Every structure is written in structure tokens, then in C-alpha cells.
Amino acid sequence: MKNVTIIGTGAYGTVLANVLADNSHKVVMYGIDENQVMEINDNHKNPVFFQDALLNKNIKATTDLPAALEKTEILVLGVPTLAIDKVVTEIIKYAKNKMIIINVAKGLDEENLDVLSKKVIKMFANTNIMESYGALFGPSVAIEVIQRKPTCIMSCSEDIKVAKKIAEIFNNEYFRVLPTDDLIGCEIAAALKNTVAIASGIMFGFESSDNSKASLITIGHNEIKRLSLACGAKPETSSNFAALGDLILTATSRKSRNFGLGMEIAAANDAATVLNNYKTTVEGVTACKIAYKMAKKMKINLPLFELVYEILYNNSMPSATINNVFKDIILV
């Protein structure tokens, strides 16, 4: 049994807390919303995300960060990419134990145009807190995992022994975790599939054919692979759960926030209007900008990401733009 602290009471953090509690680990969730914390402790629910779904009754929650970190052996960063800097700074201030850090944010480092792991590892580098670093990525819609439906994801670390250790902690009969040492490849795929999902949602919103939707996902898969390989990823990573698996899910499911955003953009035929009124974190928007900048810096041609960038950031009309993705097809 491990003492695990989940930073964040969001949907995915709650999901992972439930998996770990099902595996008999001692789980504490840290959150800033007192009502959410009370619901988790008193009613074993997180209705903001899961309505009446019952959580494992052994999960505890708190708004007291020092208390949450008191006995931590495993720390899960379950917050959006934009909150990582602030959260890690607070953890370093209060943490006392050496721990395995596990990130689940599917984003990239905009400041350095690089993977997020490098920034997090660097932040912990001059402390005595981080024993090792890993991440979890793969096709795992939160509501389905809460319902304990079969799910397969990847445990990622540059050290395969760490990846295996993390996999063992999370593995059970409904949540299957496979280890890989290609952290960079999985990170890039996990972030960029969100942008492809936005494009797919736009195309779906315009009632495009099944042929075109399948073609767009294939193009997106190849562009993700192209950038990943340029960053040092292994070719075989493009076919694992963190890459191909998560891409298929996110770019086809109405349960995907990025896919849903794409559909709303298509309905309005105007990205700016939709984005100005959007209150939910949609990682694919920022990931698109970072991928666009990375591709320019590395002189890599990514036509689909350039097209989505024009829609999201230069207000190109989606209906006049989206089909242009088929004009400059490049396969790896």
C-alpha cells in the first residue's frame, strides 16, 4: 500500500484517485474548492464532473496542502498545464518526503517550446523531493473510468523501471497500464492529439463524410509522428495507447472537450466568438500554437496544424478553410 496524493479535484484526478483507492492505496486529494472537498469526504461524490456516481469511500480530500503532502510517497499532478508552475512551486514549499512525481497534464511548455516534463523535472532538480518522474497518457474518458469500464493507457518514464513501478501501482482488472521509456514521444502525442480533435470536431460539425473524417485523423496522426520523431521519439510509440489510441478516442468522441469545441466552432463558423465565451480548459488550443511555433523553429511542414492555427488564432473562416487540409498531404 502506498500513500498517494492527488493534486487537483478535477475529473481526471478524481478518476485516478478512484483507481488507486480500488487498488487499496491510501489516497488523499488536494483541492481549493471547499464544496468539492466536502462532497468527496461526506458523500463520496464529485458531482461537478460525475453527478451521482459514487467514489471509493476510502478517498479523503482536503484544502490543506501541507497536510495533503505530509505522508506522500506518490504525487499525481492532476491540474491543467497552465497551473503547473504555480502548483509545483507550492509543492516545493511544503513537501518534506522524497516521492515519485506523476504528471497527467496533456500539454506542452509554451515558454521553452518543449515537452512539459523537462520544465517540471528542472523545477524539482534543486530539491530533495523528486525520487523519479513519470506520466500517464492514453485513451481514458473520465466518466467511463469512474464506471470501471475497461481502459488501457501508458505509463511513461525515461527509466523503464520507474514506468513499470507506476504501472504496477495503477494496474487492476479494469484499468490496464503498460510501461514505456519513450516519455517524449508520449508527451507530444498526448498534447497534439487534442488539436487534431478540434479539427475533427469542426469537420464533423460541417457534416463532412466519414471518408474525410478518417482521412483527417490519418493526416493528424502522421503530423504528430513527424514532429515527435524530430524531437527524438521512437517510431513505434506512434502506435501505442498514448498516441494512436488517444488520438482515435479524442478525435471521434462527443465526450471529448476538444472535439466538442470543434463542433461549436463549426456551428458558429467563427472560432473567435466561441473561444471568447468558452470557460472550460481545452488544451488543444494552446497545443496548436506551440506545435505551430515548434514546427517553424525546426523547419517541419505540418499543414493540418498550420490550418487549425489560422482558424484559432487568425480568425480564418472554418467553412472556407477546413477542406484545404487535403491539398498538401505528407505521410511519414
Protein backbone atom coordinates (compact mmCIF):
# COMPACT_ATOMS: atom_id res chain seq x y z
CA MET A 1 0.00 0.00 0.00
CA LYS A 2 1.29 3.45 -0.96
CA ASN A 3 0.43 6.91 0.37
CA VAL A 4 -0.73 8.82 -2.71
CA THR A 5 -1.58 12.49 -3.00
CA ILE A 6 -3.61 13.75 -5.97
CA ILE A 7 -3.13 17.45 -6.63
CA GLY A 8 -6.45 18.70 -8.01
CA THR A 9 -10.06 17.62 -7.65
CA GLY A 10 -10.80 17.77 -11.37
CA ALA A 11 -12.27 14.98 -13.45
CA TYR A 12 -9.10 13.03 -14.22
CA GLY A 13 -7.60 13.49 -10.78
CA THR A 14 -10.80 12.07 -9.32
CA VAL A 15 -10.68 9.14 -11.74
CA LEU A 16 -7.12 8.25 -10.77
CA ALA A 17 -7.93 8.62 -7.08
CA ASN A 18 -10.74 6.10 -7.54
CA VAL A 19 -8.49 3.63 -9.38
CA LEU A 20 -5.83 3.88 -6.66
CA ALA A 21 -8.33 3.51 -3.83
CA ASP A 22 -9.78 0.46 -5.60
CA ASN A 23 -6.21 -0.90 -5.51
CA SER A 24 -6.13 -0.40 -1.70
CA HIS A 25 -3.71 2.54 -1.72
CA LYS A 26 -4.22 5.35 0.78
CA VAL A 27 -5.39 8.32 -1.30
CA VAL A 28 -5.63 11.99 -0.37
CA MET A 29 -6.91 14.58 -2.84
CA TYR A 30 -5.94 18.23 -2.52
CA GLY A 31 -8.33 20.86 -3.89
CA ILE A 32 -9.15 24.53 -3.46
CA ASP A 33 -12.95 24.21 -3.72
CA GLU A 34 -14.33 23.58 -0.23
CA ASN A 35 -17.67 22.33 -1.56
CA GLN A 36 -16.00 19.74 -3.76
CA VAL A 37 -13.80 18.59 -0.89
CA MET A 38 -16.84 18.28 1.37
CA GLU A 39 -18.76 16.27 -1.25
CA ILE A 40 -15.86 13.85 -1.66
CA ASN A 41 -15.45 13.37 2.10
CA ASP A 42 -19.10 13.29 3.18
CA ASN A 43 -20.99 11.90 0.19
CA HIS A 44 -18.21 10.13 -1.77
CA LYS A 45 -19.16 12.05 -4.90
CA ASN A 46 -17.72 14.75 -7.18
CA PRO A 47 -20.98 15.98 -8.76
CA VAL A 48 -19.29 18.81 -10.65
CA PHE A 49 -17.99 16.18 -13.06
CA PHE A 50 -19.78 12.91 -12.31
CA GLN A 51 -23.24 13.79 -10.95
CA ASP A 52 -24.36 10.89 -8.73
CA ALA A 53 -21.52 8.45 -9.47
CA LEU A 54 -20.17 7.03 -6.22
CA LEU A 55 -16.44 7.14 -5.50
CA ASN A 56 -14.48 4.72 -3.38
CA LYS A 57 -15.38 5.65 0.20
CA ASN A 58 -11.73 5.45 1.32
CA ILE A 59 -10.72 8.54 -0.70
CA LYS A 60 -10.05 11.55 1.52
CA ALA A 61 -9.92 15.18 0.38
CA THR A 62 -8.55 18.37 1.91
CA THR A 63 -7.93 22.05 1.18
CA ASP A 64 -4.82 21.94 3.38
CA LEU A 65 -1.80 21.39 1.11
CA PRO A 66 0.80 20.81 3.86
CA ALA A 67 -1.48 18.17 5.40
CA ALA A 68 -2.05 16.55 2.00
CA LEU A 69 1.72 16.25 1.49
CA GLU A 70 2.57 15.02 4.98
CA LYS A 71 2.99 11.30 4.16
CA THR A 72 3.18 11.36 0.36
CA GLU A 73 5.12 8.64 -1.44
CA ILE A 74 3.44 9.08 -4.83
CA LEU A 75 2.36 12.52 -6.07
CA VAL A 76 -0.01 12.90 -9.02
CA LEU A 77 -0.12 16.31 -10.72
CA GLY A 78 -3.76 16.37 -11.82
CA VAL A 79 -4.04 20.03 -12.79
CA PRO A 80 -4.18 21.75 -16.22
CA THR A 81 -0.90 22.66 -17.92
CA LEU A 82 -1.36 26.36 -17.21
CA ALA A 83 -1.44 25.69 -13.45
CA ILE A 84 1.69 23.52 -13.32
CA ASP A 85 4.18 26.30 -12.47
CA LYS A 86 2.16 27.63 -9.55
CA VAL A 87 1.29 24.19 -8.20
CA VAL A 88 4.85 22.83 -8.33
CA THR A 89 6.13 25.97 -6.60
CA GLU A 90 3.64 25.39 -3.76
CA ILE A 91 4.52 21.70 -3.51
CA ILE A 92 8.22 22.50 -3.20
CA LYS A 93 7.39 24.92 -0.40
CA TYR A 94 5.56 22.35 1.74
CA ALA A 95 6.72 18.84 0.74
CA LYS A 96 9.03 17.01 3.13
CA ASN A 97 9.24 13.49 1.71
CA LYS A 98 11.00 12.06 -1.32
CA MET A 99 8.34 11.00 -3.81
CA ILE A 100 7.59 9.73 -7.30
CA ILE A 101 6.10 12.58 -9.34
CA ILE A 102 3.46 11.56 -11.90
CA ASN A 103 2.13 14.15 -14.34
CA VAL A 104 -1.13 13.67 -16.23
CA ALA A 105 -1.50 17.12 -17.85
CA LYS A 106 -1.68 16.74 -21.64
CA GLY A 107 0.13 19.88 -22.68
CA LEU A 108 3.46 21.37 -23.72
CA ASP A 109 5.79 24.03 -22.35
CA GLU A 110 4.94 27.21 -24.27
CA GLU A 111 7.79 29.24 -22.76
CA ASN A 112 10.51 26.88 -23.99
CA LEU A 113 8.66 25.24 -26.92
CA ASP A 114 9.34 21.82 -25.46
CA VAL A 115 7.76 18.96 -23.54
CA LEU A 116 6.37 19.74 -20.10
CA SER A 117 8.41 17.06 -18.32
CA LYS A 118 11.66 18.96 -18.82
CA LYS A 119 10.25 22.02 -17.05
CA VAL A 120 8.80 20.03 -14.14
CA ILE A 121 11.98 17.98 -13.66
CA LYS A 122 14.05 21.18 -13.74
CA MET A 123 11.82 22.80 -11.11
CA PHE A 124 12.32 19.86 -8.75
CA ALA A 125 16.03 19.47 -9.60
CA ASN A 126 17.46 21.51 -6.73
CA THR A 127 15.18 19.99 -4.11
CA ASN A 128 15.26 16.69 -2.27
CA ILE A 129 11.66 15.93 -3.19
CA MET A 130 11.60 14.08 -6.52
CA GLU A 131 12.66 10.44 -6.34
CA SER A 132 11.71 9.90 -10.00
CA TYR A 133 9.39 11.27 -12.67
CA GLY A 134 6.73 9.66 -14.83
CA ALA A 135 3.49 10.37 -16.64
CA LEU A 136 0.22 8.66 -17.58
CA PHE A 137 -1.27 9.11 -21.05
CA GLY A 138 -3.84 7.23 -23.09
CA PRO A 139 -7.50 6.95 -24.12
CA SER A 140 -9.37 7.32 -20.85
CA VAL A 141 -12.62 9.29 -20.87
CA ALA A 142 -13.15 10.10 -17.20
CA ILE A 143 -16.79 9.07 -16.85
CA GLU A 144 -16.08 5.64 -18.32
CA VAL A 145 -13.20 5.00 -15.91
CA ILE A 146 -15.39 6.04 -12.97
CA GLN A 147 -17.87 3.45 -14.24
CA ARG A 148 -14.99 0.95 -14.19
CA LYS A 149 -15.21 0.19 -17.89
CA PRO A 150 -12.11 -1.44 -19.43
CA THR A 151 -9.37 1.09 -20.24
CA CYS A 152 -5.77 0.80 -21.48
CA ILE A 153 -3.18 3.58 -21.10
CA MET A 154 0.62 4.06 -20.96
CA SER A 155 2.93 4.64 -18.00
CA CYS A 156 5.81 6.77 -19.32
CA SER A 157 9.23 7.48 -17.89
CA GLU A 158 12.75 7.78 -19.27
CA ASP A 159 13.60 5.00 -16.82
CA ILE A 160 11.67 1.85 -17.76
CA LYS A 161 11.96 0.59 -14.16
CA VAL A 162 10.06 3.67 -12.98
CA ALA A 163 7.46 3.23 -15.73
CA LYS A 164 6.94 -0.38 -14.62
CA LYS A 165 6.65 0.63 -10.97
CA ILE A 166 3.99 3.23 -11.80
CA ALA A 167 2.12 0.71 -13.95
CA GLU A 168 2.04 -1.76 -11.05
CA ILE A 169 0.55 0.86 -8.74
CA PHE A 170 -2.34 1.63 -11.10
CA ASN A 171 -2.98 -1.74 -12.76
CA ASN A 172 -6.18 -3.60 -11.95
CA GLU A 173 -8.88 -5.63 -13.69
CA TYR A 174 -10.47 -2.64 -15.46
CA PHE A 175 -7.54 -0.19 -15.69
CA ARG A 176 -4.64 -1.65 -17.67
CA VAL A 177 -1.36 0.31 -17.72
CA LEU A 178 1.57 -0.59 -19.98
CA PRO A 179 5.10 0.83 -19.38
CA THR A 180 7.25 2.66 -21.93
CA ASP A 181 10.53 4.58 -21.71
CA ASP A 182 9.58 6.96 -24.54
CA LEU A 183 8.36 9.81 -22.35
CA ILE A 184 8.91 12.50 -25.01
CA GLY A 185 7.06 10.61 -27.73
CA CYS A 186 4.07 10.00 -25.49
CA GLU A 187 4.02 13.60 -24.23
CA ILE A 188 3.97 15.11 -27.70
CA ALA A 189 1.31 12.70 -28.92
CA ALA A 190 -0.85 13.27 -25.83
CA ALA A 191 -0.76 17.04 -26.32
CA LEU A 192 -1.11 17.29 -30.08
CA LYS A 193 -3.97 14.82 -30.48
CA ASN A 194 -6.13 17.48 -28.81
CA THR A 195 -5.54 19.86 -31.72
CA VAL A 196 -6.39 17.14 -34.24
CA ALA A 197 -9.59 16.56 -32.24
CA ILE A 198 -10.55 20.23 -32.66
CA ALA A 199 -10.09 19.90 -36.43
CA SER A 200 -12.08 16.67 -36.41
CA GLY A 201 -14.87 18.33 -34.44
CA ILE A 202 -15.00 21.18 -36.94
CA MET A 203 -15.24 18.73 -39.82
CA PHE A 204 -17.90 16.70 -38.01
CA GLY A 205 -19.82 19.90 -37.33
CA PHE A 206 -19.97 20.64 -41.03
CA GLU A 207 -21.39 17.13 -41.59
CA SER A 208 -18.43 16.02 -43.65
CA SER A 209 -18.28 12.47 -44.94
CA ASP A 210 -16.90 9.53 -43.00
CA ASN A 211 -14.19 9.35 -45.64
CA SER A 212 -12.98 12.87 -44.91
CA LYS A 213 -13.04 12.41 -41.15
CA ALA A 214 -10.98 9.22 -41.35
CA SER A 215 -8.57 10.94 -43.73
CA LEU A 216 -8.16 13.94 -41.41
CA ILE A 217 -7.33 11.73 -38.43
CA THR A 218 -4.77 9.85 -40.53
CA ILE A 219 -3.16 13.13 -41.58
CA GLY A 220 -3.12 14.31 -37.97
CA HIS A 221 -1.54 11.07 -36.83
CA ASN A 222 1.24 11.42 -39.37
CA GLU A 223 1.92 15.07 -38.48
CA ILE A 224 2.14 14.20 -34.79
CA LYS A 225 4.56 11.41 -35.64
CA ARG A 226 6.65 13.73 -37.80
CA LEU A 227 7.12 16.27 -35.00
CA SER A 228 7.65 13.54 -32.40
CA LEU A 229 10.42 11.91 -34.42
CA ALA A 230 12.12 15.28 -34.86
CA CYS A 231 12.09 15.64 -31.06
CA GLY A 232 13.69 12.23 -30.54
CA ALA A 233 10.67 9.94 -30.12
CA LYS A 234 10.76 6.27 -31.05
CA PRO A 235 8.84 5.37 -34.25
CA GLU A 236 6.90 2.58 -32.55
CA THR A 237 5.44 5.00 -29.98
CA SER A 238 3.09 6.37 -32.65
CA SER A 239 1.12 3.11 -32.46
CA ASN A 240 0.71 2.85 -28.68
CA PHE A 241 -2.22 3.83 -26.44
CA ALA A 242 -0.81 7.29 -25.65
CA ALA A 243 -0.55 8.14 -29.36
CA LEU A 244 -2.84 6.29 -31.75
CA GLY A 245 -5.24 5.12 -29.06
CA ASP A 246 -5.81 8.54 -27.51
CA LEU A 247 -6.00 10.19 -30.94
CA ILE A 248 -8.78 7.87 -32.11
CA LEU A 249 -10.76 8.47 -28.93
CA THR A 250 -10.32 12.22 -28.70
CA ALA A 251 -10.89 12.90 -32.39
CA THR A 252 -14.10 10.87 -32.62
CA SER A 253 -15.90 11.11 -29.27
CA ARG A 254 -18.53 13.68 -28.31
CA LYS A 255 -17.27 13.20 -24.74
CA SER A 256 -14.01 14.91 -25.78
CA ARG A 257 -13.85 18.61 -24.85
CA ASN A 258 -11.57 19.34 -27.80
CA PHE A 259 -13.89 17.57 -30.26
CA GLY A 260 -16.82 19.42 -28.70
CA LEU A 261 -15.04 22.75 -29.11
CA GLY A 262 -14.52 21.97 -32.79
CA MET A 263 -18.22 21.28 -33.23
CA GLU A 264 -19.11 24.60 -31.61
CA ILE A 265 -16.65 26.43 -33.87
CA ALA A 266 -18.30 24.82 -36.89
CA ALA A 267 -21.78 25.80 -35.67
CA ALA A 268 -20.72 29.43 -35.27
CA ASN A 269 -18.36 29.33 -38.27
CA ASP A 270 -16.20 31.62 -36.17
CA ALA A 271 -13.54 30.47 -33.69
CA ALA A 272 -13.05 33.85 -32.01
CA THR A 273 -16.65 34.12 -30.84
CA VAL A 274 -16.65 30.60 -29.42
CA LEU A 275 -13.26 30.92 -27.70
CA ASN A 276 -14.18 34.25 -26.10
CA ASN A 277 -17.15 32.60 -24.40
CA TYR A 278 -15.51 29.28 -23.54
CA LYS A 279 -14.97 28.66 -19.82
CA THR A 280 -13.67 25.06 -19.88
CA THR A 281 -9.97 24.23 -20.22
CA VAL A 282 -9.36 22.95 -23.76
CA GLU A 283 -5.69 22.01 -24.05
CA GLY A 284 -5.74 21.64 -27.85
CA VAL A 285 -5.96 25.39 -28.42
CA THR A 286 -2.65 26.19 -26.74
CA ALA A 287 -1.08 22.95 -28.02
CA CYS A 288 -1.83 24.09 -31.57
CA LYS A 289 0.06 27.35 -31.05
CA ILE A 290 3.05 25.60 -29.50
CA ALA A 291 3.16 22.93 -32.24
CA TYR A 292 2.96 25.66 -34.87
CA LYS A 293 5.91 27.50 -33.31
CA MET A 294 7.92 24.31 -32.82
CA ALA A 295 7.39 23.31 -36.45
CA LYS A 296 8.53 26.73 -37.68
CA LYS A 297 11.59 26.63 -35.44
CA MET A 298 12.51 23.10 -36.56
CA LYS A 299 11.52 23.71 -40.21
CA ILE A 300 8.96 20.91 -40.23
CA ASN A 301 5.94 21.05 -42.51
CA LEU A 302 2.67 20.44 -40.61
CA PRO A 303 -0.16 21.57 -42.94
CA LEU A 304 -3.02 20.46 -40.67
CA PHE A 305 -1.65 22.25 -37.63
CA GLU A 306 -1.00 25.37 -39.70
CA LEU A 307 -4.59 25.29 -40.91
CA VAL A 308 -6.02 24.91 -37.40
CA TYR A 309 -3.70 27.67 -36.20
CA GLU A 310 -5.16 30.00 -38.85
CA ILE A 311 -8.69 29.18 -37.66
CA LEU A 312 -7.94 29.57 -33.94
CA TYR A 313 -5.52 32.49 -33.97
CA ASN A 314 -6.00 34.41 -37.22
CA ASN A 315 -9.79 34.04 -37.41
CA SER A 316 -9.85 32.27 -40.77
CA MET A 317 -13.38 31.19 -41.59
CA PRO A 318 -13.61 27.45 -40.72
CA SER A 319 -16.04 26.61 -43.55
CA ALA A 320 -13.64 28.06 -46.13
CA THR A 321 -10.53 26.56 -44.56
CA ILE A 322 -11.08 23.07 -43.20
CA ASN A 323 -11.12 21.14 -46.50
CA ASN A 324 -7.77 22.66 -47.50
CA VAL A 325 -6.11 20.10 -45.26
CA PHE A 326 -6.30 17.60 -48.11
CA LYS A 327 -4.32 19.78 -50.52
CA ASP A 328 -0.83 19.25 -49.06
CA ILE A 329 -0.84 15.73 -47.68
CA ILE A 330 2.52 14.47 -46.37
CA LEU A 331 2.80 10.99 -44.89
CA VAL A 332 5.71 9.92 -42.70
